[in-house]
């Protein structure tokens, strides 16, 4: 099983990972998202939502502090 690691050690090679922050901007709640790191005009984490063949992405609205690999898909 994967464990949370410091964000400084995060993969930045196109692999989706889970990122975590204990503080969401404007809220005392934690936040977890499936993301990829994009190194383009401005380096940033991008949140992905996948449903069938449609994938949408938006910039992450919090600064992650930790990351881990995505878990395996559930068996049917």
Protein backbone atom coordinates (compact mmCIF):
# COMPACT_ATOMS: atom_id res chain seq x y z
CA UNK A 1 0.00 0.00 0.00
CA UNK A 2 1.20 3.46 -0.87
CA UNK A 3 1.82 6.03 1.87
CA UNK A 4 1.65 9.82 1.88
CA UNK A 5 4.99 11.43 0.98
CA UNK A 6 6.15 15.07 1.08
CA UNK A 7 5.05 17.04 -2.00
CA UNK A 8 8.70 17.91 -2.78
CA UNK A 9 9.22 14.25 -3.75
CA UNK A 10 6.14 14.05 -6.01
CA UNK A 11 6.28 12.45 -9.44
CA UNK A 12 6.10 15.02 -12.20
CA UNK A 13 6.23 12.70 -15.18
CA UNK A 14 2.59 12.64 -16.32
CA UNK A 15 1.43 9.96 -13.89
CA UNK A 16 -1.74 10.83 -12.03
CA UNK A 17 -1.28 10.91 -8.26
CA UNK A 18 -3.36 11.78 -5.21
CA UNK A 19 -2.41 15.08 -3.59
CA UNK A 20 -3.40 16.21 -0.10
CA UNK A 21 -3.63 19.43 1.88
CA UNK A 22 -5.01 19.91 5.37
CA UNK A 23 -6.12 23.44 4.51
CA UNK A 24 -8.37 24.27 1.57
CA UNK A 25 -8.32 27.96 0.65
CA UNK A 26 -11.02 29.72 2.66
CA UNK A 27 -11.99 26.59 4.58
CA UNK A 28 -10.58 24.60 7.53
CA UNK A 29 -11.29 21.30 5.73
CA UNK A 30 -8.83 18.91 4.15
CA UNK A 31 -8.68 18.35 0.41
CA UNK A 32 -7.64 15.33 -1.66
CA UNK A 33 -7.56 15.27 -5.48
CA UNK A 34 -6.32 13.11 -8.35
CA UNK A 35 -3.83 15.30 -10.20
CA UNK A 36 -1.05 15.60 -12.71
CA UNK A 37 1.76 18.16 -12.66
CA UNK A 38 1.89 20.43 -15.72
CA UNK A 39 5.10 22.24 -16.60
CA UNK A 40 4.09 24.77 -19.23
CA UNK A 41 3.70 28.54 -19.11
CA UNK A 42 3.31 28.22 -15.34
CA UNK A 43 4.03 25.10 -13.35
CA UNK A 44 0.90 23.87 -11.60
CA UNK A 45 -1.05 20.86 -10.41
CA UNK A 46 -4.13 20.07 -12.51
CA UNK A 47 -7.18 18.20 -11.20
CA UNK A 48 -8.67 15.53 -13.44
CA UNK A 49 -12.15 14.10 -13.58
CA UNK A 50 -12.64 11.12 -15.87
CA UNK A 51 -15.99 9.70 -16.90
CA UNK A 52 -15.90 7.22 -19.76
CA UNK A 53 -13.92 8.79 -22.57
CA UNK A 54 -14.37 12.35 -21.35
CA UNK A 55 -11.59 13.87 -19.25
CA UNK A 56 -11.81 17.39 -17.88
CA UNK A 57 -9.07 19.29 -16.10
CA UNK A 58 -8.91 22.46 -14.01
CA UNK A 59 -6.08 24.07 -12.03
CA UNK A 60 -5.83 22.91 -8.43
CA UNK A 61 -7.15 25.56 -6.01
CA UNK A 62 -5.03 24.57 -3.03
CA UNK A 63 -1.33 24.08 -2.37
CA UNK A 64 -0.72 20.35 -1.80
CA UNK A 65 1.59 19.26 1.01
CA UNK A 66 1.69 15.49 0.38
CA UNK A 67 1.18 12.97 -2.43
CA UNK A 68 0.78 9.22 -3.07
CA UNK A 69 0.24 6.94 -6.05
CA UNK A 70 -3.35 6.20 -7.04
CA UNK A 71 -4.70 2.91 -5.69
CA UNK A 72 -5.48 0.06 -8.07
CA UNK A 73 -8.94 -0.02 -9.59
CA UNK A 74 -11.45 -2.23 -7.75
CA UNK A 75 -12.02 -5.69 -9.14
CA UNK A 76 -15.43 -6.39 -10.66
